[in-house]
Amino acid sequence: MIDRREVIRMARLARLELSEMEIDQYQKDLTSFLTSGKKLQQVDVSRVEGTSHAVSVAHELRKDEVGKSLPQEAVLLGGPQVQDGFFRVPRIVEAQE
């Protein structure tokens, strides 16, 4: 079972701010997930042949071909904010000191 301290520690590592209700819910969800995993570990698969993929898959890649591309100005027209020839986006990573 996952306890509240573990949920809080994982949230801190992931830089998530969780409410008390979310902590309780994650505790239940993670405990349920781990319990399901333990049940799967108990399944006897000794007579099951290993596979790398359930169906045969062929990975055929196309050849790279040089083609026409849109001019930079046309591409930038699709962005909500543009600055100095680039898309301007909100900062998502804080500077670390």
PDB file of N, CA and C in Angstrom:
ATOM      1  N   MET A   1       0.842  -1.191   0.000  1.00  0.00           N
ATOM      2  CA  MET A   1       0.000   0.000   0.000  1.00  0.00           C
ATOM      3  C   MET A   1       0.880   1.245   0.000  1.00  0.00           C
ATOM      4  N   ILE A   2       0.474   2.224  -0.759  1.00  0.00           N
ATOM      5  CA  ILE A   2       1.166   3.508  -0.808  1.00  0.00           C
ATOM      6  C   ILE A   2       0.608   4.378   0.315  1.00  0.00           C
ATOM      7  N   ASP A   3       1.479   4.971   1.109  1.00  0.00           N
ATOM      8  CA  ASP A   3       0.970   5.855   2.162  1.00  0.00           C
ATOM      9  C   ASP A   3       1.057   7.318   1.708  1.00  0.00           C
ATOM     10  N   ARG A   4       0.425   8.175   2.473  1.00  0.00           N
ATOM     11  CA  ARG A   4       0.341   9.602   2.123  1.00  0.00           C
ATOM     12  C   ARG A   4       1.716  10.233   1.952  1.00  0.00           C
ATOM     13  N   ARG A   5       2.671   9.850   2.814  1.00  0.00           N
ATOM     14  CA  ARG A   5       4.017  10.431   2.726  1.00  0.00           C
ATOM     15  C   ARG A   5       4.646  10.145   1.366  1.00  0.00           C
ATOM     16  N   GLU A   6       4.431   8.923   0.860  1.00  0.00           N
ATOM     17  CA  GLU A   6       4.991   8.567  -0.445  1.00  0.00           C
ATOM     18  C   GLU A   6       4.347   9.383  -1.564  1.00  0.00           C
ATOM     19  N   VAL A   7       3.046   9.578  -1.484  1.00  0.00           N
ATOM     20  CA  VAL A   7       2.353  10.384  -2.494  1.00  0.00           C
ATOM     21  C   VAL A   7       2.882  11.810  -2.467  1.00  0.00           C
ATOM     22  N   ILE A   8       3.027  12.371  -1.282  1.00  0.00           N
ATOM     23  CA  ILE A   8       3.528  13.742  -1.141  1.00  0.00           C
ATOM     24  C   ILE A   8       4.957  13.842  -1.658  1.00  0.00           C
ATOM     25  N   ARG A   9       5.781  12.837  -1.367  1.00  0.00           N
ATOM     26  CA  ARG A   9       7.172  12.840  -1.837  1.00  0.00           C
ATOM     27  C   ARG A   9       7.234  12.771  -3.366  1.00  0.00           C
ATOM     28  N   MET A  10       6.417  11.896  -3.961  1.00  0.00           N
ATOM     29  CA  MET A  10       6.393  11.793  -5.427  1.00  0.00           C
ATOM     30  C   MET A  10       5.898  13.092  -6.061  1.00  0.00           C
ATOM     31  N   ALA A  11       4.893  13.697  -5.448  1.00  0.00           N
ATOM     32  CA  ALA A  11       4.372  14.960  -5.973  1.00  0.00           C
ATOM     33  C   ALA A  11       5.445  16.041  -5.907  1.00  0.00           C
ATOM     34  N   ARG A  12       6.185  16.076  -4.821  1.00  0.00           N
ATOM     35  CA  ARG A  12       7.252  17.063  -4.674  1.00  0.00           C
ATOM     36  C   ARG A  12       8.327  16.841  -5.745  1.00  0.00           C
ATOM     37  N   LEU A  13       8.699  15.577  -5.977  1.00  0.00           N
ATOM     38  CA  LEU A  13       9.698  15.268  -7.001  1.00  0.00           C
ATOM     39  C   LEU A  13       9.221  15.679  -8.393  1.00  0.00           C
ATOM     40  N   ALA A  14       7.922  15.538  -8.632  1.00  0.00           N
ATOM     41  CA  ALA A  14       7.348  15.910  -9.922  1.00  0.00           C
ATOM     42  C   ALA A  14       6.964  17.386  -9.964  1.00  0.00           C
ATOM     43  N   ARG A  15       7.237  18.087  -8.867  1.00  0.00           N
ATOM     44  CA  ARG A  15       6.901  19.514  -8.742  1.00  0.00           C
ATOM     45  C   ARG A  15       5.411  19.765  -8.961  1.00  0.00           C
ATOM     46  N   LEU A  16       4.611  18.909  -8.326  1.00  0.00           N
ATOM     47  CA  LEU A  16       3.160  19.046  -8.389  1.00  0.00           C
ATOM     48  C   LEU A  16       2.640  19.528  -7.047  1.00  0.00           C
ATOM     49  N   GLU A  17       1.687  20.419  -7.093  1.00  0.00           N
ATOM     50  CA  GLU A  17       1.018  20.874  -5.879  1.00  0.00           C
ATOM     51  C   GLU A  17      -0.321  20.158  -5.812  1.00  0.00           C
ATOM     52  N   LEU A  18      -0.492  19.294  -4.832  1.00  0.00           N
ATOM     53  CA  LEU A  18      -1.722  18.519  -4.721  1.00  0.00           C
ATOM     54  C   LEU A  18      -2.540  18.974  -3.522  1.00  0.00           C
ATOM     55  N   SER A  19      -3.851  19.000  -3.710  1.00  0.00           N
ATOM     56  CA  SER A  19      -4.749  19.292  -2.589  1.00  0.00           C
ATOM     57  C   SER A  19      -4.857  18.031  -1.732  1.00  0.00           C
ATOM     58  N   GLU A  20      -5.430  18.177  -0.548  1.00  0.00           N
ATOM     59  CA  GLU A  20      -5.623  17.026   0.338  1.00  0.00           C
ATOM     60  C   GLU A  20      -6.479  15.957  -0.347  1.00  0.00           C
ATOM     61  N   MET A  21      -7.501  16.413  -1.072  1.00  0.00           N
ATOM     62  CA  MET A  21      -8.380  15.485  -1.768  1.00  0.00           C
ATOM     63  C   MET A  21      -7.609  14.733  -2.865  1.00  0.00           C
ATOM     64  N   GLU A  22      -6.736  15.441  -3.586  1.00  0.00           N
ATOM     65  CA  GLU A  22      -5.945  14.803  -4.639  1.00  0.00           C
ATOM     66  C   GLU A  22      -4.947  13.803  -4.052  1.00  0.00           C
ATOM     67  N   ILE A  23      -4.359  14.150  -2.918  1.00  0.00           N
ATOM     68  CA  ILE A  23      -3.425  13.227  -2.257  1.00  0.00           C
ATOM     69  C   ILE A  23      -4.146  11.930  -1.914  1.00  0.00           C
ATOM     70  N   ASP A  24      -5.340  12.046  -1.337  1.00  0.00           N
ATOM     71  CA  ASP A  24      -6.127  10.854  -0.990  1.00  0.00           C
ATOM     72  C   ASP A  24      -6.458  10.032  -2.235  1.00  0.00           C
ATOM     73  N   GLN A  25      -6.866  10.722  -3.305  1.00  0.00           N
ATOM     74  CA  GLN A  25      -7.238  10.020  -4.537  1.00  0.00           C
ATOM     75  C   GLN A  25      -6.030   9.318  -5.155  1.00  0.00           C
ATOM     76  N   TYR A  26      -4.881  10.009  -5.213  1.00  0.00           N
ATOM     77  CA  TYR A  26      -3.674   9.386  -5.765  1.00  0.00           C
ATOM     78  C   TYR A  26      -3.223   8.205  -4.908  1.00  0.00           C
ATOM     79  N   GLN A  27      -3.392   8.320  -3.615  1.00  0.00           N
ATOM     80  CA  GLN A  27      -3.030   7.210  -2.733  1.00  0.00           C
ATOM     81  C   GLN A  27      -3.860   5.974  -3.091  1.00  0.00           C
ATOM     82  N   LYS A  28      -5.165   6.169  -3.276  1.00  0.00           N
ATOM     83  CA  LYS A  28      -6.039   5.054  -3.643  1.00  0.00           C
ATOM     84  C   LYS A  28      -5.682   4.508  -5.024  1.00  0.00           C
ATOM     85  N   ASP A  29      -5.488   5.421  -5.995  1.00  0.00           N
ATOM     86  CA  ASP A  29      -5.202   4.996  -7.368  1.00  0.00           C
ATOM     87  C   ASP A  29      -3.883   4.239  -7.467  1.00  0.00           C
ATOM     88  N   LEU A  30      -2.843   4.764  -6.831  1.00  0.00           N
ATOM     89  CA  LEU A  30      -1.533   4.113  -6.895  1.00  0.00           C
ATOM     90  C   LEU A  30      -1.548   2.764  -6.182  1.00  0.00           C
ATOM     91  N   THR A  31      -2.236   2.689  -5.059  1.00  0.00           N
ATOM     92  CA  THR A  31      -2.358   1.417  -4.346  1.00  0.00           C
ATOM     93  C   THR A  31      -3.080   0.395  -5.217  1.00  0.00           C
ATOM     94  N   SER A  32      -4.150   0.814  -5.870  1.00  0.00           N
ATOM     95  CA  SER A  32      -4.899  -0.076  -6.759  1.00  0.00           C
ATOM     96  C   SER A  32      -4.024  -0.541  -7.922  1.00  0.00           C
ATOM     97  N   PHE A  33      -3.265   0.374  -8.489  1.00  0.00           N
ATOM     98  CA  PHE A  33      -2.371   0.049  -9.609  1.00  0.00           C
ATOM     99  C   PHE A  33      -1.333  -0.989  -9.191  1.00  0.00           C
ATOM    100  N   LEU A  34      -0.705  -0.778  -8.044  1.00  0.00           N
ATOM    101  CA  LEU A  34       0.314  -1.716  -7.571  1.00  0.00           C
ATOM    102  C   LEU A  34      -0.288  -3.073  -7.211  1.00  0.00           C
ATOM    103  N   THR A  35      -1.495  -3.069  -6.669  1.00  0.00           N
ATOM    104  CA  THR A  35      -2.180  -4.324  -6.349  1.00  0.00           C
ATOM    105  C   THR A  35      -2.448  -5.114  -7.629  1.00  0.00           C
ATOM    106  N   SER A  36      -2.872  -4.424  -8.675  1.00  0.00           N
ATOM    107  CA  SER A  36      -3.101  -5.090  -9.966  1.00  0.00           C
ATOM    108  C   SER A  36      -1.808  -5.673 -10.503  1.00  0.00           C
ATOM    109  N   GLY A  37      -0.718  -4.944 -10.358  1.00  0.00           N
ATOM    110  CA  GLY A  37       0.584  -5.433 -10.807  1.00  0.00           C
ATOM    111  C   GLY A  37       1.002  -6.687 -10.071  1.00  0.00           C
ATOM    112  N   LYS A  38       0.752  -6.724  -8.772  1.00  0.00           N
ATOM    113  CA  LYS A  38       1.089  -7.918  -7.977  1.00  0.00           C
ATOM    114  C   LYS A  38       0.266  -9.120  -8.426  1.00  0.00           C
ATOM    115  N   LYS A  39      -1.005  -8.886  -8.770  1.00  0.00           N
ATOM    116  CA  LYS A  39      -1.849  -9.981  -9.258  1.00  0.00           C
ATOM    117  C   LYS A  39      -1.296 -10.523 -10.577  1.00  0.00           C
ATOM    118  N   LEU A  40      -0.839  -9.636 -11.446  1.00  0.00           N
ATOM    119  CA  LEU A  40      -0.284 -10.069 -12.728  1.00  0.00           C
ATOM    120  C   LEU A  40       0.988 -10.884 -12.539  1.00  0.00           C
ATOM    121  N   GLN A  41       1.775 -10.548 -11.525  1.00  0.00           N
ATOM    122  CA  GLN A  41       3.009 -11.289 -11.267  1.00  0.00           C
ATOM    123  C   GLN A  41       2.720 -12.729 -10.848  1.00  0.00           C
ATOM    124  N   GLN A  42       1.526 -12.987 -10.343  1.00  0.00           N
ATOM    125  CA  GLN A  42       1.176 -14.323  -9.874  1.00  0.00           C
ATOM    126  C   GLN A  42       0.656 -15.228 -10.991  1.00  0.00           C
ATOM    127  N   VAL A  43       0.416 -14.672 -12.174  1.00  0.00           N
ATOM    128  CA  VAL A  43      -0.098 -15.467 -13.287  1.00  0.00           C
ATOM    129  C   VAL A  43       1.002 -16.392 -13.797  1.00  0.00           C
ATOM    130  N   ASP A  44       0.666 -17.666 -13.980  1.00  0.00           N
ATOM    131  CA  ASP A  44       1.636 -18.648 -14.477  1.00  0.00           C
ATOM    132  C   ASP A  44       1.772 -18.503 -15.991  1.00  0.00           C
ATOM    133  N   VAL A  45       2.924 -18.028 -16.427  1.00  0.00           N
ATOM    134  CA  VAL A  45       3.188 -17.862 -17.856  1.00  0.00           C
ATOM    135  C   VAL A  45       4.328 -18.776 -18.312  1.00  0.00           C
ATOM    136  N   SER A  46       4.602 -19.802 -17.527  1.00  0.00           N
ATOM    137  CA  SER A  46       5.736 -20.683 -17.833  1.00  0.00           C
ATOM    138  C   SER A  46       5.564 -21.420 -19.163  1.00  0.00           C
ATOM    139  N   ARG A  47       4.331 -21.635 -19.592  1.00  0.00           N
ATOM    140  CA  ARG A  47       4.103 -22.340 -20.854  1.00  0.00           C
ATOM    141  C   ARG A  47       3.726 -21.393 -21.993  1.00  0.00           C
ATOM    142  N   VAL A  48       3.882 -20.106 -21.779  1.00  0.00           N
ATOM    143  CA  VAL A  48       3.566 -19.124 -22.812  1.00  0.00           C
ATOM    144  C   VAL A  48       4.858 -18.723 -23.506  1.00  0.00           C
ATOM    145  N   GLU A  49       4.856 -18.852 -24.828  1.00  0.00           N
ATOM    146  CA  GLU A  49       6.045 -18.501 -25.595  1.00  0.00           C
ATOM    147  C   GLU A  49       6.180 -16.980 -25.662  1.00  0.00           C
ATOM    148  N   GLY A  50       7.384 -16.501 -25.453  1.00  0.00           N
ATOM    149  CA  GLY A  50       7.631 -15.067 -25.493  1.00  0.00           C
ATOM    150  C   GLY A  50       7.471 -14.500 -26.897  1.00  0.00           C
ATOM    151  N   THR A  51       7.018 -13.273 -26.974  1.00  0.00           N
ATOM    152  CA  THR A  51       6.871 -12.590 -28.261  1.00  0.00           C
ATOM    153  C   THR A  51       7.444 -11.196 -28.150  1.00  0.00           C
ATOM    154  N   SER A  52       7.814 -10.664 -29.279  1.00  0.00           N
ATOM    155  CA  SER A  52       8.269  -9.279 -29.270  1.00  0.00           C
ATOM    156  C   SER A  52       7.138  -8.350 -29.681  1.00  0.00           C
ATOM    157  N   HIS A  53       6.167  -8.897 -30.426  1.00  0.00           N
ATOM    158  CA  HIS A  53       5.009  -8.118 -30.838  1.00  0.00           C
ATOM    159  C   HIS A  53       3.881  -9.094 -31.144  1.00  0.00           C
ATOM    160  N   ALA A  54       2.682  -8.724 -30.851  1.00  0.00           N
ATOM    161  CA  ALA A  54       1.549  -9.629 -31.027  1.00  0.00           C
ATOM    162  C   ALA A  54       1.281  -9.965 -32.495  1.00  0.00           C
ATOM    163  N   VAL A  55       1.551  -9.024 -33.381  1.00  0.00           N
ATOM    164  CA  VAL A  55       1.357  -9.258 -34.817  1.00  0.00           C
ATOM    165  C   VAL A  55       2.637  -8.897 -35.544  1.00  0.00           C
ATOM    166  N   SER A  56       2.797  -9.457 -36.723  1.00  0.00           N
ATOM    167  CA  SER A  56       3.991  -9.163 -37.512  1.00  0.00           C
ATOM    168  C   SER A  56       3.946  -7.709 -37.980  1.00  0.00           C
ATOM    169  N   VAL A  57       5.021  -6.993 -37.736  1.00  0.00           N
ATOM    170  CA  VAL A  57       5.071  -5.579 -38.099  1.00  0.00           C
ATOM    171  C   VAL A  57       6.317  -5.337 -38.936  1.00  0.00           C
ATOM    172  N   ALA A  58       6.133  -4.681 -40.058  1.00  0.00           N
ATOM    173  CA  ALA A  58       7.277  -4.309 -40.893  1.00  0.00           C
ATOM    174  C   ALA A  58       7.446  -2.800 -40.816  1.00  0.00           C
ATOM    175  N   HIS A  59       8.632  -2.380 -40.491  1.00  0.00           N
ATOM    176  CA  HIS A  59       8.906  -0.947 -40.401  1.00  0.00           C
ATOM    177  C   HIS A  59       9.596  -0.501 -41.680  1.00  0.00           C
ATOM    178  N   GLU A  60       8.814  -0.044 -42.600  1.00  0.00           N
ATOM    179  CA  GLU A  60       9.372   0.430 -43.851  1.00  0.00           C
ATOM    180  C   GLU A  60       9.371   1.947 -43.821  1.00  0.00           C
ATOM    181  N   LEU A  61      10.552   2.508 -43.935  1.00  0.00           N
ATOM    182  CA  LEU A  61      10.679   3.956 -43.913  1.00  0.00           C
ATOM    183  C   LEU A  61      10.756   4.480 -45.336  1.00  0.00           C
ATOM    184  N   ARG A  62      10.169   5.612 -45.566  1.00  0.00           N
ATOM    185  CA  ARG A  62      10.246   6.210 -46.897  1.00  0.00           C
ATOM    186  C   ARG A  62      11.598   6.880 -47.063  1.00  0.00           C
ATOM    187  N   LYS A  63      11.994   7.059 -48.287  1.00  0.00           N
ATOM    188  CA  LYS A  63      13.250   7.743 -48.562  1.00  0.00           C
ATOM    189  C   LYS A  63      13.058   9.235 -48.325  1.00  0.00           C
ATOM    190  N   ASP A  64      14.094   9.867 -47.829  1.00  0.00           N
ATOM    191  CA  ASP A  64      14.054  11.318 -47.672  1.00  0.00           C
ATOM    192  C   ASP A  64      14.127  11.961 -49.045  1.00  0.00           C
ATOM    193  N   GLU A  65      13.228  12.870 -49.280  1.00  0.00           N
ATOM    194  CA  GLU A  65      13.226  13.588 -50.545  1.00  0.00           C
ATOM    195  C   GLU A  65      13.112  15.072 -50.256  1.00  0.00           C
ATOM    196  N   VAL A  66      13.948  15.838 -50.928  1.00  0.00           N
ATOM    197  CA  VAL A  66      13.893  17.284 -50.781  1.00  0.00           C
ATOM    198  C   VAL A  66      12.666  17.775 -51.525  1.00  0.00           C
ATOM    199  N   GLY A  67      11.895  18.599 -50.867  1.00  0.00           N
ATOM    200  CA  GLY A  67      10.695  19.133 -51.494  1.00  0.00           C
ATOM    201  C   GLY A  67      10.514  20.593 -51.127  1.00  0.00           C
ATOM    202  N   LYS A  68       9.477  21.170 -51.674  1.00  0.00           N
ATOM    203  CA  LYS A  68       9.186  22.570 -51.382  1.00  0.00           C
ATOM    204  C   LYS A  68       8.663  22.685 -49.958  1.00  0.00           C
ATOM    205  N   SER A  69       9.062  23.724 -49.284  1.00  0.00           N
ATOM    206  CA  SER A  69       8.527  23.987 -47.952  1.00  0.00           C
ATOM    207  C   SER A  69       7.956  25.392 -47.931  1.00  0.00           C
ATOM    208  N   LEU A  70       7.168  25.646 -46.920  1.00  0.00           N
ATOM    209  CA  LEU A  70       6.566  26.973 -46.800  1.00  0.00           C
ATOM    210  C   LEU A  70       7.619  27.994 -46.399  1.00  0.00           C
ATOM    211  N   PRO A  71       7.465  29.226 -46.854  1.00  0.00           N
ATOM    212  CA  PRO A  71       8.385  30.272 -46.388  1.00  0.00           C
ATOM    213  C   PRO A  71       8.166  30.537 -44.896  1.00  0.00           C
ATOM    214  N   GLN A  72       9.208  30.981 -44.219  1.00  0.00           N
ATOM    215  CA  GLN A  72       9.143  31.218 -42.776  1.00  0.00           C
ATOM    216  C   GLN A  72       7.990  32.146 -42.419  1.00  0.00           C
ATOM    217  N   GLU A  73       7.798  33.179 -43.204  1.00  0.00           N
ATOM    218  CA  GLU A  73       6.735  34.152 -42.903  1.00  0.00           C
ATOM    219  C   GLU A  73       5.361  33.481 -42.903  1.00  0.00           C
ATOM    220  N   ALA A  74       5.137  32.577 -43.851  1.00  0.00           N
ATOM    221  CA  ALA A  74       3.842  31.896 -43.933  1.00  0.00           C
ATOM    222  C   ALA A  74       3.627  30.987 -42.729  1.00  0.00           C
ATOM    223  N   VAL A  75       4.674  30.311 -42.290  1.00  0.00           N
ATOM    224  CA  VAL A  75       4.565  29.428 -41.128  1.00  0.00           C
ATOM    225  C   VAL A  75       4.272  30.243 -39.879  1.00  0.00           C
ATOM    226  N   LEU A  76       4.964  31.359 -39.726  1.00  0.00           N
ATOM    227  CA  LEU A  76       4.794  32.182 -38.529  1.00  0.00           C
ATOM    228  C   LEU A  76       3.409  32.810 -38.439  1.00  0.00           C
ATOM    229  N   LEU A  77       2.713  32.899 -39.560  1.00  0.00           N
ATOM    230  CA  LEU A  77       1.351  33.439 -39.530  1.00  0.00           C
ATOM    231  C   LEU A  77       0.415  32.551 -38.708  1.00  0.00           C
ATOM    232  N   GLY A  78       0.763  31.279 -38.556  1.00  0.00           N
ATOM    233  CA  GLY A  78      -0.078  30.351 -37.807  1.00  0.00           C
ATOM    234  C   GLY A  78       0.118  30.414 -36.307  1.00  0.00           C
ATOM    235  N   GLY A  79       1.094  31.187 -35.848  1.00  0.00           N
ATOM    236  CA  GLY A  79       1.373  31.249 -34.420  1.00  0.00           C
ATOM    237  C   GLY A  79       0.670  32.403 -33.745  1.00  0.00           C
ATOM    238  N   PRO A  80       0.263  32.222 -32.483  1.00  0.00           N
ATOM    239  CA  PRO A  80      -0.421  33.300 -31.771  1.00  0.00           C
ATOM    240  C   PRO A  80       0.498  34.477 -31.458  1.00  0.00           C
ATOM    241  N   GLN A  81       1.781  34.197 -31.162  1.00  0.00           N
ATOM    242  CA  GLN A  81       2.733  35.267 -30.874  1.00  0.00           C
ATOM    243  C   GLN A  81       4.050  34.959 -31.565  1.00  0.00           C
ATOM    244  N   VAL A  82       4.616  35.976 -32.215  1.00  0.00           N
ATOM    245  CA  VAL A  82       5.875  35.827 -32.931  1.00  0.00           C
ATOM    246  C   VAL A  82       6.809  36.935 -32.481  1.00  0.00           C
ATOM    247  N   GLN A  83       8.089  36.580 -32.323  1.00  0.00           N
ATOM    248  CA  GLN A  83       9.080  37.581 -31.933  1.00  0.00           C
ATOM    249  C   GLN A  83      10.406  37.243 -32.612  1.00  0.00           C
ATOM    250  N   ASP A  84      10.974  38.195 -33.321  1.00  0.00           N
ATOM    251  CA  ASP A  84      12.273  38.050 -33.982  1.00  0.00           C
ATOM    252  C   ASP A  84      12.343  36.812 -34.868  1.00  0.00           C
ATOM    253  N   GLY A  85      11.266  36.501 -35.585  1.00  0.00           N
ATOM    254  CA  GLY A  85      11.267  35.379 -36.512  1.00  0.00           C
ATOM    255  C   GLY A  85      11.053  34.021 -35.877  1.00  0.00           C
ATOM    256  N   PHE A  86      10.614  33.992 -34.620  1.00  0.00           N
ATOM    257  CA  PHE A  86      10.377  32.730 -33.920  1.00  0.00           C
ATOM    258  C   PHE A  86       9.012  32.782 -33.240  1.00  0.00           C
ATOM    259  N   PHE A  87       8.449  31.594 -32.947  1.00  0.00           N
ATOM    260  CA  PHE A  87       7.228  31.546 -32.145  1.00  0.00           C
ATOM    261  C   PHE A  87       7.581  31.918 -30.715  1.00  0.00           C
ATOM    262  N   ARG A  88       6.745  32.730 -30.095  1.00  0.00           N
ATOM    263  CA  ARG A  88       6.942  33.081 -28.692  1.00  0.00           C
ATOM    264  C   ARG A  88       5.967  32.231 -27.880  1.00  0.00           C
ATOM    265  N   VAL A  89       6.515  31.509 -26.905  1.00  0.00           N
ATOM    266  CA  VAL A  89       5.693  30.617 -26.083  1.00  0.00           C
ATOM    267  C   VAL A  89       5.929  30.934 -24.617  1.00  0.00           C
ATOM    268  N   PRO A  90       4.986  30.578 -23.747  1.00  0.00           N
ATOM    269  CA  PRO A  90       5.180  30.824 -22.316  1.00  0.00           C
ATOM    270  C   PRO A  90       6.336  29.987 -21.770  1.00  0.00           C
ATOM    271  N   ARG A  91       7.049  30.541 -20.811  1.00  0.00           N
ATOM    272  CA  ARG A  91       8.130  29.814 -20.147  1.00  0.00           C
ATOM    273  C   ARG A  91       7.515  28.695 -19.316  1.00  0.00           C
ATOM    274  N   ILE A  92       8.081  27.494 -19.449  1.00  0.00           N
ATOM    275  CA  ILE A  92       7.559  26.363 -18.679  1.00  0.00           C
ATOM    276  C   ILE A  92       8.589  25.805 -17.711  1.00  0.00           C
ATOM    277  N   VAL A  93       9.832  26.217 -17.840  1.00  0.00           N
ATOM    278  CA  VAL A  93      10.888  25.750 -16.949  1.00  0.00           C
ATOM    279  C   VAL A  93      11.436  26.959 -16.208  1.00  0.00           C
ATOM    280  N   GLU A  94      11.439  26.879 -14.897  1.00  0.00           N
ATOM    281  CA  GLU A  94      11.954  27.979 -14.100  1.00  0.00           C
ATOM    282  C   GLU A  94      13.471  27.921 -14.060  1.00  0.00           C
ATOM    283  N   ALA A  95      14.092  29.080 -14.025  1.00  0.00           N
ATOM    284  CA  ALA A  95      15.549  29.132 -13.907  1.00  0.00           C
ATOM    285  C   ALA A  95      15.948  28.634 -12.526  1.00  0.00           C
ATOM    286  N   GLN A  96      16.980  27.789 -12.486  1.00  0.00           N
ATOM    287  CA  GLN A  96      17.453  27.277 -11.204  1.00  0.00           C
ATOM    288  C   GLN A  96      18.667  28.070 -10.769  1.00  0.00           C
ATOM    289  N   GLU A  97      18.741  28.315  -9.495  1.00  0.00           N
ATOM    290  CA  GLU A  97      19.861  29.088  -8.963  1.00  0.00           C
ATOM    291  C   GLU A  97      20.895  28.188  -8.370  1.00  0.00           C
TER     292      GLU A  97
END
